[in-house]
Amino acid sequence: GGVQMCPQCGDGQQELPFEACDDGNVVDGDGCSSNCTIESSASCDVVDGETSSCTPRVCGDGKRVTGEECDTGGDTDGCVNCTIVFECYENEPFKLSMCTLCGDGLVSDGETCDNGRGAVGVVDGCDDEDCSVVKFFECVGALGEPSVCEHIEVDFDANDNG
């Protein structure tokens, strides 16, 4: 028989199935670990016999990648350590969206409507910022259901004192 070469982690030649990745070094934290395993939430382009190209997940870089629920570029009210969190405070309406997710397409407590986020600048009857019904529209939808909004015909009769 021929000579069987043993896989050498860190030599830049990925050898399946012994190495999940091999980026040419034995350094932890760069996406491919010192024992040639793909690090948690990193992504690697791997080809048998070639050097692996790995990108470690960086929480807080403002780019949401696999393994992150959210990435706002730092901790915010709704996203902490790249995990979605919702903290609700009574009598603080500006925080209401953290609890109710205005724009998720489901009516929640404190929302008069929610038909999901529409295209920017398009009036669909429900305000995407605070989930309130827009003037000249009427919306129906039970709690936990999406709203259906319709434009109301308004009669601008000069004799009407309204």
Protein backbone atom coordinates (compact mmCIF):
# COMPACT_ATOMS: atom_id res chain seq x y z
CA GLY A 1 0.00 0.00 0.00
CA GLY A 2 0.90 3.65 -0.38
CA VAL A 3 1.91 6.12 2.28
CA GLN A 4 -1.15 7.66 4.00
CA MET A 5 -0.61 11.33 4.95
CA CYS A 6 -2.17 12.46 8.22
CA PRO A 7 -4.24 15.65 8.14
CA GLN A 8 -2.27 18.58 9.51
CA CYS A 9 -4.47 21.28 11.03
CA GLY A 10 -3.22 24.74 10.06
CA ASP A 11 -1.42 23.76 6.85
CA GLY A 12 -4.03 25.52 4.69
CA GLN A 13 -5.26 22.32 3.06
CA GLN A 14 -8.68 21.27 4.29
CA GLU A 15 -8.88 17.52 4.50
CA LEU A 16 -12.41 16.13 4.73
CA PRO A 17 -13.75 14.53 6.83
CA PHE A 18 -11.02 15.18 9.39
CA GLU A 19 -11.11 19.01 9.26
CA ALA A 20 -14.28 21.13 9.06
CA CYS A 21 -12.05 24.02 7.93
CA ASP A 22 -8.36 24.85 7.56
CA ASP A 23 -7.49 28.52 7.15
CA GLY A 24 -3.72 28.08 7.24
CA ASN A 25 -3.20 28.87 10.93
CA VAL A 26 -3.98 27.53 14.38
CA VAL A 27 -5.47 30.74 15.78
CA ASP A 28 -8.81 30.87 17.62
CA GLY A 29 -11.31 33.70 16.95
CA ASP A 30 -10.90 34.04 13.19
CA GLY A 31 -13.81 31.76 12.25
CA CYS A 32 -11.77 28.54 12.03
CA SER A 33 -10.53 27.32 15.44
CA SER A 34 -7.07 26.09 16.41
CA ASN A 35 -8.31 22.49 16.02
CA CYS A 36 -9.84 23.16 12.55
CA THR A 37 -13.50 23.31 13.56
CA ILE A 38 -15.84 26.10 12.42
CA GLU A 39 -16.36 28.46 15.34
CA SER A 40 -19.83 29.28 16.68
CA SER A 41 -21.86 31.39 14.23
CA ALA A 42 -18.90 31.87 11.85
CA SER A 43 -19.30 31.16 8.16
CA CYS A 44 -16.62 29.42 6.11
CA ASP A 45 -16.21 28.74 2.41
CA VAL A 46 -14.63 25.30 2.38
CA VAL A 47 -13.26 23.23 -0.53
CA ASP A 48 -11.52 19.91 0.10
CA GLY A 49 -7.76 20.30 -0.38
CA GLU A 50 -7.85 24.12 -0.39
CA THR A 51 -7.45 26.88 2.21
CA SER A 52 -10.73 27.76 3.96
CA SER A 53 -11.99 31.33 3.91
CA CYS A 54 -13.78 32.05 7.20
CA THR A 55 -15.64 35.08 8.51
CA PRO A 56 -16.26 35.27 12.26
CA ARG A 57 -19.59 36.61 13.49
CA VAL A 58 -19.17 40.09 14.91
CA CYS A 59 -22.06 41.14 17.13
CA GLY A 60 -22.41 44.90 17.09
CA ASP A 61 -21.12 45.56 13.57
CA GLY A 62 -24.62 46.57 12.40
CA LYS A 63 -24.87 43.64 9.97
CA ARG A 64 -27.28 40.83 10.85
CA VAL A 65 -25.79 37.44 9.93
CA THR A 66 -26.61 33.79 10.62
CA GLY A 67 -26.74 33.22 14.36
CA GLU A 68 -27.88 36.78 15.16
CA GLU A 69 -31.55 37.62 15.81
CA CYS A 70 -30.72 41.30 15.32
CA ASP A 71 -27.68 43.57 15.03
CA THR A 72 -28.28 47.27 15.54
CA GLY A 73 -24.61 48.20 15.81
CA GLY A 74 -24.76 48.16 19.61
CA ASP A 75 -27.20 47.40 22.39
CA THR A 76 -30.57 49.12 21.98
CA ASP A 77 -33.93 48.80 23.75
CA GLY A 78 -34.98 46.01 21.40
CA CYS A 79 -31.65 44.29 20.64
CA VAL A 80 -29.10 43.31 23.29
CA ASN A 81 -26.04 41.16 22.48
CA CYS A 82 -27.59 40.45 19.04
CA THR A 83 -30.66 38.89 20.68
CA ILE A 84 -34.13 40.42 20.42
CA VAL A 85 -35.39 41.55 23.82
CA PHE A 86 -38.54 43.43 24.65
CA GLU A 87 -38.77 45.46 27.81
CA CYS A 88 -42.16 46.96 28.48
CA TYR A 89 -42.74 49.92 30.74
CA GLU A 90 -46.13 51.20 31.83
CA ASN A 91 -46.95 54.82 31.05
CA GLU A 92 -44.14 55.11 28.52
CA PRO A 93 -45.91 55.10 25.15
CA PHE A 94 -42.68 55.66 23.19
CA LYS A 95 -41.50 52.23 24.37
CA LEU A 96 -44.78 50.60 23.34
CA SER A 97 -43.37 49.50 19.99
CA MET A 98 -40.82 47.35 21.83
CA CYS A 99 -43.67 45.40 23.40
CA THR A 100 -46.16 45.28 20.58
CA LEU A 101 -43.97 45.20 17.47
CA CYS A 102 -45.80 47.80 15.41
CA GLY A 103 -45.53 46.69 11.81
CA ASP A 104 -45.55 42.93 12.44
CA GLY A 105 -48.95 42.65 10.76
CA LEU A 106 -50.81 41.65 13.93
CA VAL A 107 -52.92 43.99 16.07
CA SER A 108 -51.56 44.14 19.64
CA ASP A 109 -52.63 45.99 22.78
CA GLY A 110 -52.14 49.71 22.26
CA GLU A 111 -52.43 49.51 18.45
CA THR A 112 -55.53 50.69 16.62
CA CYS A 113 -54.33 48.89 13.48
CA ASP A 114 -51.39 46.87 12.14
CA ASN A 115 -51.28 45.75 8.53
CA GLY A 116 -47.54 45.15 8.39
CA ARG A 117 -44.92 47.52 7.11
CA GLY A 118 -45.88 48.96 3.74
CA ALA A 119 -43.66 50.58 1.17
CA VAL A 120 -42.06 53.82 2.36
CA GLY A 121 -44.18 56.83 1.42
CA VAL A 122 -47.22 54.75 0.48
CA VAL A 123 -50.34 55.52 2.52
CA ASP A 124 -52.05 52.19 3.24
CA GLY A 125 -54.36 53.39 6.01
CA CYS A 126 -52.25 52.39 9.02
CA ASP A 127 -49.31 54.51 10.22
CA ASP A 128 -46.15 52.34 10.26
CA GLU A 129 -44.60 54.37 13.09
CA ASP A 130 -47.29 54.14 15.78
CA CYS A 131 -49.93 51.78 14.30
CA SER A 132 -52.70 54.36 14.35
CA VAL A 133 -55.39 54.73 11.68
CA VAL A 134 -54.57 57.41 9.10
CA LYS A 135 -57.08 60.20 8.38
CA PHE A 136 -59.68 59.27 5.73
CA PHE A 137 -59.15 55.54 6.35
CA GLU A 138 -61.00 52.89 8.33
CA CYS A 139 -59.31 49.74 9.59
CA VAL A 140 -60.77 46.55 11.03
CA GLY A 141 -58.95 43.64 12.67
CA ALA A 142 -59.20 41.79 15.97
CA LEU A 143 -56.31 41.40 18.45
CA GLY A 144 -53.74 39.00 17.05
CA GLU A 145 -55.09 39.42 13.51
CA PRO A 146 -53.88 41.62 10.63
CA SER A 147 -55.77 44.86 9.94
CA VAL A 148 -57.63 45.47 6.71
CA CYS A 149 -57.76 49.18 5.90
CA GLU A 150 -59.97 50.91 3.35
CA HIS A 151 -60.13 54.49 2.16
CA ILE A 152 -63.32 56.25 3.29
CA GLU A 153 -65.23 58.31 0.75
CA VAL A 154 -65.45 61.81 2.20
CA ASP A 155 -68.15 64.17 1.01
CA PHE A 156 -66.75 67.71 0.97
CA ASP A 157 -70.15 69.45 0.83
CA ALA A 158 -69.70 73.21 1.32
CA ASN A 159 -73.04 73.39 3.21
CA ASP A 160 -72.00 70.74 5.72
CA ASN A 161 -70.92 72.27 9.03
CA GLY A 162 -69.75 68.82 10.15
